[in-house]
Amino acid sequence: MKELFENIDWAIVAPFLIIQAILMVIALIDLIKADNVNGRKGMWVFIVVVLHTIGPIAYFIFGRRND
């Protein structure tokens, strides 16, 4: 396992991890503050947390209501 992490080029991977974390935090904050969303909030929290990068993007495209 140690060898696996030694071979990773962190200069390439780190920006993607940071973007993923920022997307997740912003989506969760928006989800908590939102009065109405498409579907249940619990479902969206699960999607955002489990599907990492795709989950927050899906929430911003399909989950938000612009009422």
PDB file of N, CA and C in Angstrom:
ATOM      1  N   MET A   1       0.821  -1.186   0.000  1.00  0.00           N
ATOM      2  CA  MET A   1       0.000   0.000   0.000  1.00  0.00           C
ATOM      3  C   MET A   1       0.867   1.251   0.000  1.00  0.00           C
ATOM      4  N   LYS A   2       1.961   1.200   0.714  1.00  0.00           N
ATOM      5  CA  LYS A   2       2.862   2.347   0.770  1.00  0.00           C
ATOM      6  C   LYS A   2       3.428   2.657  -0.615  1.00  0.00           C
ATOM      7  N   GLU A   3       3.729   1.606  -1.374  1.00  0.00           N
ATOM      8  CA  GLU A   3       4.274   1.789  -2.722  1.00  0.00           C
ATOM      9  C   GLU A   3       3.251   2.455  -3.645  1.00  0.00           C
ATOM     10  N   LEU A   4       1.986   2.164  -3.431  1.00  0.00           N
ATOM     11  CA  LEU A   4       0.935   2.748  -4.260  1.00  0.00           C
ATOM     12  C   LEU A   4       0.910   4.265  -4.116  1.00  0.00           C
ATOM     13  N   PHE A   5       1.012   4.759  -2.888  1.00  0.00           N
ATOM     14  CA  PHE A   5       0.973   6.198  -2.656  1.00  0.00           C
ATOM     15  C   PHE A   5       2.276   6.887  -3.025  1.00  0.00           C
ATOM     16  N   GLU A   6       3.363   6.163  -3.046  1.00  0.00           N
ATOM     17  CA  GLU A   6       4.641   6.753  -3.445  1.00  0.00           C
ATOM     18  C   GLU A   6       4.682   7.046  -4.937  1.00  0.00           C
ATOM     19  N   ASN A   7       3.932   6.312  -5.731  1.00  0.00           N
ATOM     20  CA  ASN A   7       3.950   6.474  -7.183  1.00  0.00           C
ATOM     21  C   ASN A   7       2.964   7.523  -7.693  1.00  0.00           C
ATOM     22  N   ILE A   8       2.174   8.108  -6.820  1.00  0.00           N
ATOM     23  CA  ILE A   8       1.183   9.100  -7.236  1.00  0.00           C
ATOM     24  C   ILE A   8       1.855  10.454  -7.403  1.00  0.00           C
ATOM     25  N   ASP A   9       1.561  11.108  -8.517  1.00  0.00           N
ATOM     26  CA  ASP A   9       2.066  12.462  -8.747  1.00  0.00           C
ATOM     27  C   ASP A   9       1.075  13.438  -8.116  1.00  0.00           C
ATOM     28  N   TRP A  10       1.373  13.871  -6.891  1.00  0.00           N
ATOM     29  CA  TRP A  10       0.446  14.694  -6.123  1.00  0.00           C
ATOM     30  C   TRP A  10       0.249  16.072  -6.736  1.00  0.00           C
ATOM     31  N   ALA A  11       1.172  16.542  -7.526  1.00  0.00           N
ATOM     32  CA  ALA A  11       1.005  17.840  -8.182  1.00  0.00           C
ATOM     33  C   ALA A  11      -0.144  17.801  -9.186  1.00  0.00           C
ATOM     34  N   ILE A  12      -0.432  16.635  -9.720  1.00  0.00           N
ATOM     35  CA  ILE A  12      -1.540  16.479 -10.663  1.00  0.00           C
ATOM     36  C   ILE A  12      -2.833  16.135  -9.931  1.00  0.00           C
ATOM     37  N   VAL A  13      -2.756  15.293  -8.922  1.00  0.00           N
ATOM     38  CA  VAL A  13      -3.939  14.800  -8.224  1.00  0.00           C
ATOM     39  C   VAL A  13      -4.518  15.834  -7.252  1.00  0.00           C
ATOM     40  N   ALA A  14      -3.674  16.588  -6.582  1.00  0.00           N
ATOM     41  CA  ALA A  14      -4.124  17.520  -5.538  1.00  0.00           C
ATOM     42  C   ALA A  14      -5.156  18.540  -6.023  1.00  0.00           C
ATOM     43  N   PRO A  15      -4.979  19.181  -7.180  1.00  0.00           N
ATOM     44  CA  PRO A  15      -6.009  20.141  -7.621  1.00  0.00           C
ATOM     45  C   PRO A  15      -7.384  19.499  -7.814  1.00  0.00           C
ATOM     46  N   PHE A  16      -7.421  18.274  -8.306  1.00  0.00           N
ATOM     47  CA  PHE A  16      -8.699  17.587  -8.481  1.00  0.00           C
ATOM     48  C   PHE A  16      -9.347  17.272  -7.137  1.00  0.00           C
ATOM     49  N   LEU A  17      -8.551  16.877  -6.159  1.00  0.00           N
ATOM     50  CA  LEU A  17      -9.080  16.610  -4.824  1.00  0.00           C
ATOM     51  C   LEU A  17      -9.607  17.885  -4.174  1.00  0.00           C
ATOM     52  N   ILE A  18      -8.908  18.982  -4.379  1.00  0.00           N
ATOM     53  CA  ILE A  18      -9.340  20.266  -3.816  1.00  0.00           C
ATOM     54  C   ILE A  18     -10.641  20.726  -4.466  1.00  0.00           C
ATOM     55  N   ILE A  19     -10.734  20.612  -5.791  1.00  0.00           N
ATOM     56  CA  ILE A  19     -11.960  20.995  -6.504  1.00  0.00           C
ATOM     57  C   ILE A  19     -13.129  20.134  -6.043  1.00  0.00           C
ATOM     58  N   GLN A  20     -12.897  18.842  -5.879  1.00  0.00           N
ATOM     59  CA  GLN A  20     -13.943  17.940  -5.421  1.00  0.00           C
ATOM     60  C   GLN A  20     -14.424  18.330  -4.032  1.00  0.00           C
ATOM     61  N   ALA A  21     -13.500  18.627  -3.130  1.00  0.00           N
ATOM     62  CA  ALA A  21     -13.871  19.011  -1.765  1.00  0.00           C
ATOM     63  C   ALA A  21     -14.652  20.323  -1.752  1.00  0.00           C
ATOM     64  N   ILE A  22     -14.213  21.287  -2.546  1.00  0.00           N
ATOM     65  CA  ILE A  22     -14.905  22.576  -2.609  1.00  0.00           C
ATOM     66  C   ILE A  22     -16.318  22.400  -3.164  1.00  0.00           C
ATOM     67  N   LEU A  23     -16.462  21.628  -4.233  1.00  0.00           N
ATOM     68  CA  LEU A  23     -17.790  21.372  -4.801  1.00  0.00           C
ATOM     69  C   LEU A  23     -18.709  20.721  -3.777  1.00  0.00           C
ATOM     70  N   MET A  24     -18.185  19.746  -3.041  1.00  0.00           N
ATOM     71  CA  MET A  24     -18.991  19.035  -2.064  1.00  0.00           C
ATOM     72  C   MET A  24     -19.444  19.969  -0.937  1.00  0.00           C
ATOM     73  N   VAL A  25     -18.538  20.780  -0.429  1.00  0.00           N
ATOM     74  CA  VAL A  25     -18.879  21.697   0.663  1.00  0.00           C
ATOM     75  C   VAL A  25     -19.907  22.727   0.203  1.00  0.00           C
ATOM     76  N   ILE A  26     -19.701  23.315  -0.964  1.00  0.00           N
ATOM     77  CA  ILE A  26     -20.641  24.318  -1.477  1.00  0.00           C
ATOM     78  C   ILE A  26     -22.017  23.696  -1.717  1.00  0.00           C
ATOM     79  N   ALA A  27     -22.045  22.488  -2.277  1.00  0.00           N
ATOM     80  CA  ALA A  27     -23.327  21.824  -2.523  1.00  0.00           C
ATOM     81  C   ALA A  27     -24.041  21.518  -1.212  1.00  0.00           C
ATOM     82  N   LEU A  28     -23.319  21.051  -0.206  1.00  0.00           N
ATOM     83  CA  LEU A  28     -23.949  20.742   1.078  1.00  0.00           C
ATOM     84  C   LEU A  28     -24.457  22.004   1.772  1.00  0.00           C
ATOM     85  N   ILE A  29     -23.696  23.082   1.713  1.00  0.00           N
ATOM     86  CA  ILE A  29     -24.145  24.345   2.308  1.00  0.00           C
ATOM     87  C   ILE A  29     -25.394  24.846   1.596  1.00  0.00           C
ATOM     88  N   ASP A  30     -25.383  24.814   0.269  1.00  0.00           N
ATOM     89  CA  ASP A  30     -26.548  25.252  -0.501  1.00  0.00           C
ATOM     90  C   ASP A  30     -27.757  24.372  -0.196  1.00  0.00           C
ATOM     91  N   LEU A  31     -27.524  23.086  -0.066  1.00  0.00           N
ATOM     92  CA  LEU A  31     -28.602  22.142   0.218  1.00  0.00           C
ATOM     93  C   LEU A  31     -29.208  22.393   1.593  1.00  0.00           C
ATOM     94  N   ILE A  32     -28.379  22.687   2.575  1.00  0.00           N
ATOM     95  CA  ILE A  32     -28.877  22.961   3.924  1.00  0.00           C
ATOM     96  C   ILE A  32     -29.689  24.251   3.952  1.00  0.00           C
ATOM     97  N   LYS A  33     -29.235  25.262   3.225  1.00  0.00           N
ATOM     98  CA  LYS A  33     -29.918  26.559   3.220  1.00  0.00           C
ATOM     99  C   LYS A  33     -31.174  26.575   2.356  1.00  0.00           C
ATOM    100  N   ALA A  34     -31.294  25.661   1.421  1.00  0.00           N
ATOM    101  CA  ALA A  34     -32.415  25.668   0.470  1.00  0.00           C
ATOM    102  C   ALA A  34     -33.723  25.291   1.157  1.00  0.00           C
ATOM    103  N   ASP A  35     -34.766  26.048   0.841  1.00  0.00           N
ATOM    104  CA  ASP A  35     -36.092  25.725   1.361  1.00  0.00           C
ATOM    105  C   ASP A  35     -36.737  24.601   0.552  1.00  0.00           C
ATOM    106  N   ASN A  36     -36.577  24.648  -0.757  1.00  0.00           N
ATOM    107  CA  ASN A  36     -37.176  23.653  -1.644  1.00  0.00           C
ATOM    108  C   ASN A  36     -36.118  23.090  -2.576  1.00  0.00           C
ATOM    109  N   VAL A  37     -36.128  21.774  -2.724  1.00  0.00           N
ATOM    110  CA  VAL A  37     -35.266  21.104  -3.692  1.00  0.00           C
ATOM    111  C   VAL A  37     -36.106  20.083  -4.443  1.00  0.00           C
ATOM    112  N   ASN A  38     -35.625  19.665  -5.588  1.00  0.00           N
ATOM    113  CA  ASN A  38     -36.296  18.601  -6.331  1.00  0.00           C
ATOM    114  C   ASN A  38     -35.952  17.274  -5.666  1.00  0.00           C
ATOM    115  N   GLY A  39     -36.918  16.630  -5.070  1.00  0.00           N
ATOM    116  CA  GLY A  39     -36.676  15.393  -4.338  1.00  0.00           C
ATOM    117  C   GLY A  39     -36.461  15.681  -2.861  1.00  0.00           C
ATOM    118  N   ARG A  40     -36.016  14.673  -2.141  1.00  0.00           N
ATOM    119  CA  ARG A  40     -35.785  14.811  -0.707  1.00  0.00           C
ATOM    120  C   ARG A  40     -34.372  15.285  -0.435  1.00  0.00           C
ATOM    121  N   LYS A  41     -34.226  16.081   0.615  1.00  0.00           N
ATOM    122  CA  LYS A  41     -32.900  16.588   0.969  1.00  0.00           C
ATOM    123  C   LYS A  41     -31.964  15.451   1.359  1.00  0.00           C
ATOM    124  N   GLY A  42     -32.482  14.465   2.081  1.00  0.00           N
ATOM    125  CA  GLY A  42     -31.659  13.328   2.492  1.00  0.00           C
ATOM    126  C   GLY A  42     -31.080  12.574   1.307  1.00  0.00           C
ATOM    127  N   MET A  43     -31.894  12.443   0.265  1.00  0.00           N
ATOM    128  CA  MET A  43     -31.425  11.778  -0.950  1.00  0.00           C
ATOM    129  C   MET A  43     -30.278  12.568  -1.572  1.00  0.00           C
ATOM    130  N   TRP A  44     -30.421  13.903  -1.618  1.00  0.00           N
ATOM    131  CA  TRP A  44     -29.383  14.729  -2.228  1.00  0.00           C
ATOM    132  C   TRP A  44     -28.106  14.737  -1.394  1.00  0.00           C
ATOM    133  N   VAL A  45     -28.244  14.724  -0.071  1.00  0.00           N
ATOM    134  CA  VAL A  45     -27.046  14.641   0.777  1.00  0.00           C
ATOM    135  C   VAL A  45     -26.299  13.351   0.469  1.00  0.00           C
ATOM    136  N   PHE A  46     -27.027  12.245   0.377  1.00  0.00           N
ATOM    137  CA  PHE A  46     -26.416  10.955   0.057  1.00  0.00           C
ATOM    138  C   PHE A  46     -25.721  11.007  -1.301  1.00  0.00           C
ATOM    139  N   ILE A  47     -26.388  11.550  -2.307  1.00  0.00           N
ATOM    140  CA  ILE A  47     -25.814  11.629  -3.653  1.00  0.00           C
ATOM    141  C   ILE A  47     -24.564  12.499  -3.661  1.00  0.00           C
ATOM    142  N   VAL A  48     -24.625  13.655  -3.005  1.00  0.00           N
ATOM    143  CA  VAL A  48     -23.483  14.577  -2.987  1.00  0.00           C
ATOM    144  C   VAL A  48     -22.282  13.942  -2.299  1.00  0.00           C
ATOM    145  N   VAL A  49     -22.506  13.251  -1.188  1.00  0.00           N
ATOM    146  CA  VAL A  49     -21.397  12.685  -0.417  1.00  0.00           C
ATOM    147  C   VAL A  49     -20.844  11.422  -1.068  1.00  0.00           C
ATOM    148  N   VAL A  50     -21.716  10.553  -1.565  1.00  0.00           N
ATOM    149  CA  VAL A  50     -21.262   9.260  -2.088  1.00  0.00           C
ATOM    150  C   VAL A  50     -20.684   9.372  -3.498  1.00  0.00           C
ATOM    151  N   LEU A  51     -21.263  10.200  -4.329  1.00  0.00           N
ATOM    152  CA  LEU A  51     -20.818  10.272  -5.721  1.00  0.00           C
ATOM    153  C   LEU A  51     -19.742  11.331  -5.962  1.00  0.00           C
ATOM    154  N   HIS A  52     -19.177  11.854  -4.903  1.00  0.00           N
ATOM    155  CA  HIS A  52     -18.049  12.790  -4.919  1.00  0.00           C
ATOM    156  C   HIS A  52     -18.216  13.916  -5.937  1.00  0.00           C
ATOM    157  N   THR A  53     -17.527  13.892  -7.051  1.00  0.00           N
ATOM    158  CA  THR A  53     -17.546  15.017  -7.986  1.00  0.00           C
ATOM    159  C   THR A  53     -18.848  15.069  -8.788  1.00  0.00           C
ATOM    160  N   ILE A  54     -19.361  13.939  -9.186  1.00  0.00           N
ATOM    161  CA  ILE A  54     -20.577  13.902 -10.001  1.00  0.00           C
ATOM    162  C   ILE A  54     -21.808  14.277  -9.178  1.00  0.00           C
ATOM    163  N   GLY A  55     -21.834  13.921  -7.906  1.00  0.00           N
ATOM    164  CA  GLY A  55     -22.970  14.219  -7.040  1.00  0.00           C
ATOM    165  C   GLY A  55     -23.261  15.703  -6.899  1.00  0.00           C
ATOM    166  N   PRO A  56     -22.260  16.525  -6.526  1.00  0.00           N
ATOM    167  CA  PRO A  56     -22.525  17.963  -6.437  1.00  0.00           C
ATOM    168  C   PRO A  56     -22.948  18.583  -7.766  1.00  0.00           C
ATOM    169  N   ILE A  57     -22.340  18.142  -8.848  1.00  0.00           N
ATOM    170  CA  ILE A  57     -22.713  18.668 -10.163  1.00  0.00           C
ATOM    171  C   ILE A  57     -24.160  18.294 -10.479  1.00  0.00           C
ATOM    172  N   ALA A  58     -24.542  17.053 -10.189  1.00  0.00           N
ATOM    173  CA  ALA A  58     -25.926  16.621 -10.411  1.00  0.00           C
ATOM    174  C   ALA A  58     -26.889  17.430  -9.553  1.00  0.00           C
ATOM    175  N   TYR A  59     -26.493  17.717  -8.315  1.00  0.00           N
ATOM    176  CA  TYR A  59     -27.361  18.532  -7.452  1.00  0.00           C
ATOM    177  C   TYR A  59     -27.560  19.922  -8.041  1.00  0.00           C
ATOM    178  N   PHE A  60     -26.486  20.556  -8.491  1.00  0.00           N
ATOM    179  CA  PHE A  60     -26.613  21.908  -9.033  1.00  0.00           C
ATOM    180  C   PHE A  60     -27.428  21.931 -10.327  1.00  0.00           C
ATOM    181  N   ILE A  61     -27.380  20.865 -11.104  1.00  0.00           N
ATOM    182  CA  ILE A  61     -28.137  20.821 -12.361  1.00  0.00           C
ATOM    183  C   ILE A  61     -29.591  20.401 -12.127  1.00  0.00           C
ATOM    184  N   PHE A  62     -29.801  19.333 -11.347  1.00  0.00           N
ATOM    185  CA  PHE A  62     -31.135  18.746 -11.227  1.00  0.00           C
ATOM    186  C   PHE A  62     -31.822  18.992  -9.881  1.00  0.00           C
ATOM    187  N   GLY A  63     -31.078  19.238  -8.832  1.00  0.00           N
ATOM    188  CA  GLY A  63     -31.667  19.295  -7.500  1.00  0.00           C
ATOM    189  C   GLY A  63     -32.169  20.650  -7.060  1.00  0.00           C
ATOM    190  N   ARG A  64     -31.552  21.699  -7.547  1.00  0.00           N
ATOM    191  CA  ARG A  64     -31.941  23.044  -7.105  1.00  0.00           C
ATOM    192  C   ARG A  64     -33.244  23.475  -7.749  1.00  0.00           C
ATOM    193  N   ARG A  65     -34.050  24.164  -6.963  1.00  0.00           N
ATOM    194  CA  ARG A  65     -35.282  24.766  -7.469  1.00  0.00           C
ATOM    195  C   ARG A  65     -35.107  26.261  -7.473  1.00  0.00           C
ATOM    196  N   ASN A  66     -35.491  26.896  -8.532  1.00  0.00           N
ATOM    197  CA  ASN A  66     -35.366  28.350  -8.643  1.00  0.00           C
ATOM    198  C   ASN A  66     -36.707  29.029  -8.422  1.00  0.00           C
ATOM    199  N   ASP A  67     -37.390  28.653  -7.343  1.00  0.00           N
ATOM    200  CA  ASP A  67     -38.707  29.241  -7.046  1.00  0.00           C
ATOM    201  C   ASP A  67     -38.567  30.648  -6.537  1.00  0.00           C
TER     202      ASP A  67
END
